[in-house]
Amino acid sequence: DEIKLYRLIYERFMACQMTDALFEQQS
């Protein structure tokens, strides 16, 4: 359980300092 929660926290911290994802939207 510790590794599950730790991975969640670790990856969220890294993700918050990365670039945004970019989509092309077509209508």
PDB file of all heavy atoms in Angstrom:
ATOM      1  N   ASP A   1       0.828  -1.215   0.000  1.00  0.00           N
ATOM      2  CA  ASP A   1       0.000   0.000   0.000  1.00  0.00           C
ATOM      3  C   ASP A   1       0.858   1.258   0.000  1.00  0.00           C
ATOM      4  O   ASP A   1       0.494   2.275  -0.600  1.00  0.00           O
ATOM      5  CB  ASP A   1      -0.928   0.015   1.219  1.00  0.00           C
ATOM      6  CG  ASP A   1      -2.051  -0.992   1.091  1.00  0.00           C
ATOM      7  OD1 ASP A   1      -2.363  -1.394  -0.048  1.00  0.00           O
ATOM      8  OD2 ASP A   1      -2.624  -1.393   2.127  1.00  0.00           O
ATOM      9  N   GLU A   2       2.002   1.185   0.669  1.00  0.00           N
ATOM     10  CA  GLU A   2       2.896   2.352   0.718  1.00  0.00           C
ATOM     11  C   GLU A   2       3.441   2.686  -0.660  1.00  0.00           C
ATOM     12  O   GLU A   2       3.479   3.864  -1.043  1.00  0.00           O
ATOM     13  CB  GLU A   2       4.046   2.086   1.688  1.00  0.00           C
ATOM     14  CG  GLU A   2       3.615   2.045   3.151  1.00  0.00           C
ATOM     15  CD  GLU A   2       4.727   1.611   4.085  1.00  0.00           C
ATOM     16  OE1 GLU A   2       5.764   1.105   3.590  1.00  0.00           O
ATOM     17  OE2 GLU A   2       4.561   1.757   5.304  1.00  0.00           O
ATOM     18  N   ILE A   3       3.834   1.681  -1.431  1.00  0.00           N
ATOM     19  CA  ILE A   3       4.391   1.966  -2.751  1.00  0.00           C
ATOM     20  C   ILE A   3       3.320   2.500  -3.696  1.00  0.00           C
ATOM     21  O   ILE A   3       3.574   3.380  -4.529  1.00  0.00           O
ATOM     22  CB  ILE A   3       5.091   0.722  -3.362  1.00  0.00           C
ATOM     23  CG1 ILE A   3       5.757   1.065  -4.697  1.00  0.00           C
ATOM     24  CG2 ILE A   3       4.135  -0.432  -3.552  1.00  0.00           C
ATOM     25  CD1 ILE A   3       6.815   2.129  -4.606  1.00  0.00           C
ATOM     26  N   LYS A   4       2.082   2.032  -3.547  1.00  0.00           N
ATOM     27  CA  LYS A   4       0.991   2.553  -4.389  1.00  0.00           C
ATOM     28  C   LYS A   4       0.776   4.044  -4.151  1.00  0.00           C
ATOM     29  O   LYS A   4       0.668   4.834  -5.087  1.00  0.00           O
ATOM     30  CB  LYS A   4      -0.305   1.789  -4.098  1.00  0.00           C
ATOM     31  CG  LYS A   4      -0.336   0.361  -4.586  1.00  0.00           C
ATOM     32  CD  LYS A   4      -1.636  -0.318  -4.167  1.00  0.00           C
ATOM     33  CE  LYS A   4      -1.651  -1.795  -4.540  1.00  0.00           C
ATOM     34  NZ  LYS A   4      -2.887  -2.454  -4.051  1.00  0.00           N
ATOM     35  N   LEU A   5       0.708   4.425  -2.876  1.00  0.00           N
ATOM     36  CA  LEU A   5       0.459   5.834  -2.558  1.00  0.00           C
ATOM     37  C   LEU A   5       1.692   6.678  -2.872  1.00  0.00           C
ATOM     38  O   LEU A   5       1.571   7.813  -3.364  1.00  0.00           O
ATOM     39  CB  LEU A   5       0.073   5.980  -1.090  1.00  0.00           C
ATOM     40  CG  LEU A   5      -0.505   7.344  -0.700  1.00  0.00           C
ATOM     41  CD1 LEU A   5      -1.865   7.554  -1.361  1.00  0.00           C
ATOM     42  CD2 LEU A   5      -0.660   7.471   0.812  1.00  0.00           C
ATOM     43  N   TYR A   6       2.866   6.133  -2.596  1.00  0.00           N
ATOM     44  CA  TYR A   6       4.100   6.885  -2.872  1.00  0.00           C
ATOM     45  C   TYR A   6       4.244   7.162  -4.360  1.00  0.00           C
ATOM     46  O   TYR A   6       4.623   8.273  -4.762  1.00  0.00           O
ATOM     47  CB  TYR A   6       5.309   6.114  -2.357  1.00  0.00           C
ATOM     48  CG  TYR A   6       6.617   6.866  -2.558  1.00  0.00           C
ATOM     49  CD1 TYR A   6       6.897   7.997  -1.809  1.00  0.00           C
ATOM     50  CD2 TYR A   6       7.542   6.448  -3.506  1.00  0.00           C
ATOM     51  CE1 TYR A   6       8.089   8.704  -1.999  1.00  0.00           C
ATOM     52  CE2 TYR A   6       8.735   7.135  -3.707  1.00  0.00           C
ATOM     53  CZ  TYR A   6       8.997   8.266  -2.952  1.00  0.00           C
ATOM     54  OH  TYR A   6      10.162   8.967  -3.147  1.00  0.00           O
ATOM     55  N   ARG A   7       3.937   6.187  -5.193  1.00  0.00           N
ATOM     56  CA  ARG A   7       4.017   6.388  -6.650  1.00  0.00           C
ATOM     57  C   ARG A   7       3.067   7.503  -7.083  1.00  0.00           C
ATOM     58  O   ARG A   7       3.402   8.338  -7.923  1.00  0.00           O
ATOM     59  CB  ARG A   7       3.682   5.085  -7.387  1.00  0.00           C
ATOM     60  CG  ARG A   7       3.819   5.199  -8.907  1.00  0.00           C
ATOM     61  CD  ARG A   7       3.406   3.915  -9.598  1.00  0.00           C
ATOM     62  NE  ARG A   7       4.267   2.805  -9.254  1.00  0.00           N
ATOM     63  CZ  ARG A   7       5.433   2.563  -9.852  1.00  0.00           C
ATOM     64  NH1 ARG A   7       5.860   3.354 -10.820  1.00  0.00           N
ATOM     65  NH2 ARG A   7       6.157   1.523  -9.475  1.00  0.00           N
ATOM     66  N   LEU A   8       1.875   7.508  -6.501  1.00  0.00           N
ATOM     67  CA  LEU A   8       0.887   8.537  -6.816  1.00  0.00           C
ATOM     68  C   LEU A   8       1.443   9.930  -6.504  1.00  0.00           C
ATOM     69  O   LEU A   8       1.336  10.857  -7.316  1.00  0.00           O
ATOM     70  CB  LEU A   8      -0.378   8.279  -5.988  1.00  0.00           C
ATOM     71  CG  LEU A   8      -1.745   8.616  -6.581  1.00  0.00           C
ATOM     72  CD1 LEU A   8      -1.994   7.877  -7.878  1.00  0.00           C
ATOM     73  CD2 LEU A   8      -2.829   8.279  -5.568  1.00  0.00           C
ATOM     74  N   ILE A   9       2.047  10.066  -5.314  1.00  0.00           N
ATOM     75  CA  ILE A   9       2.584  11.361  -4.879  1.00  0.00           C
ATOM     76  C   ILE A   9       3.797  11.763  -5.709  1.00  0.00           C
ATOM     77  O   ILE A   9       3.921  12.918  -6.148  1.00  0.00           O
ATOM     78  CB  ILE A   9       2.953  11.298  -3.377  1.00  0.00           C
ATOM     79  CG1 ILE A   9       1.687  11.105  -2.534  1.00  0.00           C
ATOM     80  CG2 ILE A   9       3.712  12.542  -2.944  1.00  0.00           C
ATOM     81  CD1 ILE A   9       1.956  10.732  -1.085  1.00  0.00           C
ATOM     82  N   TYR A  10       4.682  10.802  -5.943  1.00  0.00           N
ATOM     83  CA  TYR A  10       5.917  11.079  -6.687  1.00  0.00           C
ATOM     84  C   TYR A  10       5.595  11.539  -8.112  1.00  0.00           C
ATOM     85  O   TYR A  10       6.099  12.558  -8.592  1.00  0.00           O
ATOM     86  CB  TYR A  10       6.789   9.823  -6.720  1.00  0.00           C
ATOM     87  CG  TYR A  10       8.200  10.052  -7.215  1.00  0.00           C
ATOM     88  CD1 TYR A  10       9.254  10.199  -6.320  1.00  0.00           C
ATOM     89  CD2 TYR A  10       8.481  10.117  -8.579  1.00  0.00           C
ATOM     90  CE1 TYR A  10      10.557  10.404  -6.766  1.00  0.00           C
ATOM     91  CE2 TYR A  10       9.775  10.331  -9.041  1.00  0.00           C
ATOM     92  CZ  TYR A  10      10.819  10.469  -8.132  1.00  0.00           C
ATOM     93  OH  TYR A  10      12.097  10.686  -8.584  1.00  0.00           O
ATOM     94  N   GLU A  11       4.727  10.793  -8.785  1.00  0.00           N
ATOM     95  CA  GLU A  11       4.416  11.120 -10.178  1.00  0.00           C
ATOM     96  C   GLU A  11       3.598  12.401 -10.294  1.00  0.00           C
ATOM     97  O   GLU A  11       3.751  13.155 -11.257  1.00  0.00           O
ATOM     98  CB  GLU A  11       3.689   9.941 -10.842  1.00  0.00           C
ATOM     99  CG  GLU A  11       4.593   8.727 -11.017  1.00  0.00           C
ATOM    100  CD  GLU A  11       3.943   7.605 -11.805  1.00  0.00           C
ATOM    101  OE1 GLU A  11       2.717   7.692 -12.059  1.00  0.00           O
ATOM    102  OE2 GLU A  11       4.659   6.644 -12.160  1.00  0.00           O
ATOM    103  N   ARG A  12       2.739  12.676  -9.307  1.00  0.00           N
ATOM    104  CA  ARG A  12       1.982  13.933  -9.358  1.00  0.00           C
ATOM    105  C   ARG A  12       2.920  15.129  -9.211  1.00  0.00           C
ATOM    106  O   ARG A  12       2.749  16.152  -9.873  1.00  0.00           O
ATOM    107  CB  ARG A  12       0.915  13.953  -8.262  1.00  0.00           C
ATOM    108  CG  ARG A  12       0.148  15.269  -8.140  1.00  0.00           C
ATOM    109  CD  ARG A  12      -0.661  15.598  -9.390  1.00  0.00           C
ATOM    110  NE  ARG A  12      -1.827  14.782  -9.497  1.00  0.00           N
ATOM    111  CZ  ARG A  12      -3.046  15.159  -9.103  1.00  0.00           C
ATOM    112  NH1 ARG A  12      -3.239  16.347  -8.588  1.00  0.00           N
ATOM    113  NH2 ARG A  12      -4.068  14.341  -9.256  1.00  0.00           N
ATOM    114  N   PHE A  13       3.928  14.999  -8.333  1.00  0.00           N
ATOM    115  CA  PHE A  13       4.882  16.097  -8.152  1.00  0.00           C
ATOM    116  C   PHE A  13       5.670  16.345  -9.434  1.00  0.00           C
ATOM    117  O   PHE A  13       5.851  17.495  -9.858  1.00  0.00           O
ATOM    118  CB  PHE A  13       5.824  15.787  -6.991  1.00  0.00           C
ATOM    119  CG  PHE A  13       6.916  16.812  -6.807  1.00  0.00           C
ATOM    120  CD1 PHE A  13       6.606  18.145  -6.609  1.00  0.00           C
ATOM    121  CD2 PHE A  13       8.254  16.439  -6.837  1.00  0.00           C
ATOM    122  CE1 PHE A  13       7.607  19.099  -6.437  1.00  0.00           C
ATOM    123  CE2 PHE A  13       9.253  17.382  -6.668  1.00  0.00           C
ATOM    124  CZ  PHE A  13       8.933  18.712  -6.473  1.00  0.00           C
ATOM    125  N   MET A  14       6.138  15.288 -10.062  1.00  0.00           N
ATOM    126  CA  MET A  14       6.866  15.468 -11.318  1.00  0.00           C
ATOM    127  C   MET A  14       5.961  16.050 -12.397  1.00  0.00           C
ATOM    128  O   MET A  14       6.334  16.982 -13.110  1.00  0.00           O
ATOM    129  CB  MET A  14       7.443  14.131 -11.795  1.00  0.00           C
ATOM    130  CG  MET A  14       8.678  13.679 -11.049  1.00  0.00           C
ATOM    131  SD  MET A  14       9.506  12.286 -11.863  1.00  0.00           S
ATOM    132  CE  MET A  14      10.076  13.037 -13.374  1.00  0.00           C
ATOM    133  N   ALA A  15       4.755  15.513 -12.495  1.00  0.00           N
ATOM    134  CA  ALA A  15       3.829  15.946 -13.543  1.00  0.00           C
ATOM    135  C   ALA A  15       3.490  17.424 -13.418  1.00  0.00           C
ATOM    136  O   ALA A  15       3.335  18.126 -14.426  1.00  0.00           O
ATOM    137  CB  ALA A  15       2.558  15.107 -13.500  1.00  0.00           C
ATOM    138  N   CYS A  16       3.377  17.914 -12.188  1.00  0.00           N
ATOM    139  CA  CYS A  16       2.964  19.315 -12.004  1.00  0.00           C
ATOM    140  C   CYS A  16       4.002  20.300 -12.516  1.00  0.00           C
ATOM    141  O   CYS A  16       3.700  21.489 -12.686  1.00  0.00           O
ATOM    142  CB  CYS A  16       2.625  19.577 -10.537  1.00  0.00           C
ATOM    143  SG  CYS A  16       4.043  19.933  -9.468  1.00  0.00           S
ATOM    144  N   GLN A  17       5.241  19.834 -12.772  1.00  0.00           N
ATOM    145  CA  GLN A  17       6.287  20.720 -13.282  1.00  0.00           C
ATOM    146  C   GLN A  17       6.654  20.424 -14.737  1.00  0.00           C
ATOM    147  O   GLN A  17       7.649  20.941 -15.246  1.00  0.00           O
ATOM    148  CB  GLN A  17       7.529  20.609 -12.393  1.00  0.00           C
ATOM    149  CG  GLN A  17       7.338  21.179 -10.998  1.00  0.00           C
ATOM    150  CD  GLN A  17       6.924  22.631 -11.011  1.00  0.00           C
ATOM    151  OE1 GLN A  17       7.461  23.441 -11.773  1.00  0.00           O
ATOM    152  NE2 GLN A  17       5.951  22.992 -10.175  1.00  0.00           N
ATOM    153  N   MET A  18       5.839  19.606 -15.413  1.00  0.00           N
ATOM    154  CA  MET A  18       6.091  19.295 -16.820  1.00  0.00           C
ATOM    155  C   MET A  18       5.231  20.188 -17.722  1.00  0.00           C
ATOM    156  O   MET A  18       4.419  20.985 -17.239  1.00  0.00           O
ATOM    157  CB  MET A  18       5.801  17.810 -17.086  1.00  0.00           C
ATOM    158  CG  MET A  18       6.752  16.872 -16.352  1.00  0.00           C
ATOM    159  SD  MET A  18       6.367  15.119 -16.559  1.00  0.00           S
ATOM    160  CE  MET A  18       6.836  14.870 -18.275  1.00  0.00           C
ATOM    161  N   THR A  19       5.420  20.077 -19.004  1.00  0.00           N
ATOM    162  CA  THR A  19       4.641  20.884 -19.953  1.00  0.00           C
ATOM    163  C   THR A  19       3.233  20.317 -20.108  1.00  0.00           C
ATOM    164  O   THR A  19       2.977  19.137 -19.850  1.00  0.00           O
ATOM    165  CB  THR A  19       5.323  20.902 -21.337  1.00  0.00           C
ATOM    166  OG1 THR A  19       5.661  19.558 -21.696  1.00  0.00           O
ATOM    167  CG2 THR A  19       6.563  21.749 -21.328  1.00  0.00           C
ATOM    168  N   ASP A  20       2.313  21.174 -20.532  1.00  0.00           N
ATOM    169  CA  ASP A  20       0.947  20.751 -20.783  1.00  0.00           C
ATOM    170  C   ASP A  20       0.901  19.817 -21.988  1.00  0.00           C
ATOM    171  O   ASP A  20       1.759  19.878 -22.872  1.00  0.00           O
ATOM    172  CB  ASP A  20       0.051  21.967 -21.075  1.00  0.00           C
ATOM    173  CG  ASP A  20      -0.021  22.931 -19.910  1.00  0.00           C
ATOM    174  OD1 ASP A  20       0.181  22.483 -18.773  1.00  0.00           O
ATOM    175  OD2 ASP A  20      -0.275  24.131 -20.145  1.00  0.00           O
ATOM    176  N   ALA A  21      -0.117  18.970 -22.012  1.00  0.00           N
ATOM    177  CA  ALA A  21      -0.363  18.150 -23.207  1.00  0.00           C
ATOM    178  C   ALA A  21      -1.121  19.009 -24.218  1.00  0.00           C
ATOM    179  O   ALA A  21      -1.837  19.945 -23.850  1.00  0.00           O
ATOM    180  CB  ALA A  21      -1.168  16.917 -22.839  1.00  0.00           C
ATOM    181  N   LEU A  22      -0.978  18.673 -25.487  1.00  0.00           N
ATOM    182  CA  LEU A  22      -1.594  19.480 -26.548  1.00  0.00           C
ATOM    183  C   LEU A  22      -2.410  18.586 -27.470  1.00  0.00           C
ATOM    184  O   LEU A  22      -1.922  17.563 -27.960  1.00  0.00           O
ATOM    185  CB  LEU A  22      -0.503  20.205 -27.342  1.00  0.00           C
ATOM    186  CG  LEU A  22      -0.948  21.350 -28.254  1.00  0.00           C
ATOM    187  CD1 LEU A  22      -1.613  22.456 -27.448  1.00  0.00           C
ATOM    188  CD2 LEU A  22       0.246  21.900 -29.021  1.00  0.00           C
ATOM    189  N   PHE A  23      -3.669  18.969 -27.678  1.00  0.00           N
ATOM    190  CA  PHE A  23      -4.564  18.239 -28.563  1.00  0.00           C
ATOM    191  C   PHE A  23      -4.941  19.110 -29.756  1.00  0.00           C
ATOM    192  O   PHE A  23      -5.005  20.340 -29.646  1.00  0.00           O
ATOM    193  CB  PHE A  23      -5.856  17.847 -27.831  1.00  0.00           C
ATOM    194  CG  PHE A  23      -5.690  16.745 -26.830  1.00  0.00           C
ATOM    195  CD1 PHE A  23      -5.367  17.029 -25.510  1.00  0.00           C
ATOM    196  CD2 PHE A  23      -5.863  15.419 -27.207  1.00  0.00           C
ATOM    197  CE1 PHE A  23      -5.220  16.024 -24.580  1.00  0.00           C
ATOM    198  CE2 PHE A  23      -5.717  14.403 -26.276  1.00  0.00           C
ATOM    199  CZ  PHE A  23      -5.391  14.708 -24.966  1.00  0.00           C
ATOM    200  N   GLU A  24      -5.208  18.457 -30.875  1.00  0.00           N
ATOM    201  CA  GLU A  24      -5.813  19.144 -32.020  1.00  0.00           C
ATOM    202  C   GLU A  24      -7.286  18.776 -32.053  1.00  0.00           C
ATOM    203  O   GLU A  24      -7.639  17.604 -32.150  1.00  0.00           O
ATOM    204  CB  GLU A  24      -5.142  18.725 -33.330  1.00  0.00           C
ATOM    205  CG  GLU A  24      -5.683  19.481 -34.530  1.00  0.00           C
ATOM    206  CD  GLU A  24      -4.989  19.098 -35.815  1.00  0.00           C
ATOM    207  OE1 GLU A  24      -5.396  18.085 -36.417  1.00  0.00           O
ATOM    208  OE2 GLU A  24      -4.034  19.802 -36.210  1.00  0.00           O
ATOM    209  N   GLN A  25      -8.134  19.785 -31.923  1.00  0.00           N
ATOM    210  CA  GLN A  25      -9.580  19.582 -31.867  1.00  0.00           C
ATOM    211  C   GLN A  25     -10.176  19.935 -33.225  1.00  0.00           C
ATOM    212  O   GLN A  25      -9.894  20.999 -33.780  1.00  0.00           O
ATOM    213  CB  GLN A  25     -10.193  20.482 -30.789  1.00  0.00           C
ATOM    214  CG  GLN A  25     -11.638  20.201 -30.475  1.00  0.00           C
ATOM    215  CD  GLN A  25     -11.813  19.121 -29.426  1.00  0.00           C
ATOM    216  OE1 GLN A  25     -10.955  18.938 -28.579  1.00  0.00           O
ATOM    217  NE2 GLN A  25     -12.905  18.402 -29.503  1.00  0.00           N
ATOM    218  N   GLN A  26     -11.002  19.045 -33.760  1.00  0.00           N
ATOM    219  CA  GLN A  26     -11.638  19.288 -35.056  1.00  0.00           C
ATOM    220  C   GLN A  26     -13.150  19.195 -34.905  1.00  0.00           C
ATOM    221  O   GLN A  26     -13.672  18.320 -34.215  1.00  0.00           O
ATOM    222  CB  GLN A  26     -11.159  18.271 -36.094  1.00  0.00           C
ATOM    223  CG  GLN A  26     -11.579  18.617 -37.515  1.00  0.00           C
ATOM    224  CD  GLN A  26     -11.021  17.629 -38.533  1.00  0.00           C
ATOM    225  OE1 GLN A  26     -11.072  16.435 -38.295  1.00  0.00           O
ATOM    226  NE2 GLN A  26     -10.497  18.119 -39.649  1.00  0.00           N
ATOM    227  N   SER A  27     -13.844  20.120 -35.544  1.00  0.00           N
ATOM    228  CA  SER A  27     -15.299  20.146 -35.489  1.00  0.00           C
ATOM    229  C   SER A  27     -15.841  20.286 -36.909  1.00  0.00           C
ATOM    230  O   SER A  27     -15.397  21.159 -37.664  1.00  0.00           O
ATOM    231  CB  SER A  27     -15.774  21.313 -34.621  1.00  0.00           C
ATOM    232  OG  SER A  27     -17.175  21.363 -34.578  1.00  0.00           O
TER     233      SER A  27
END
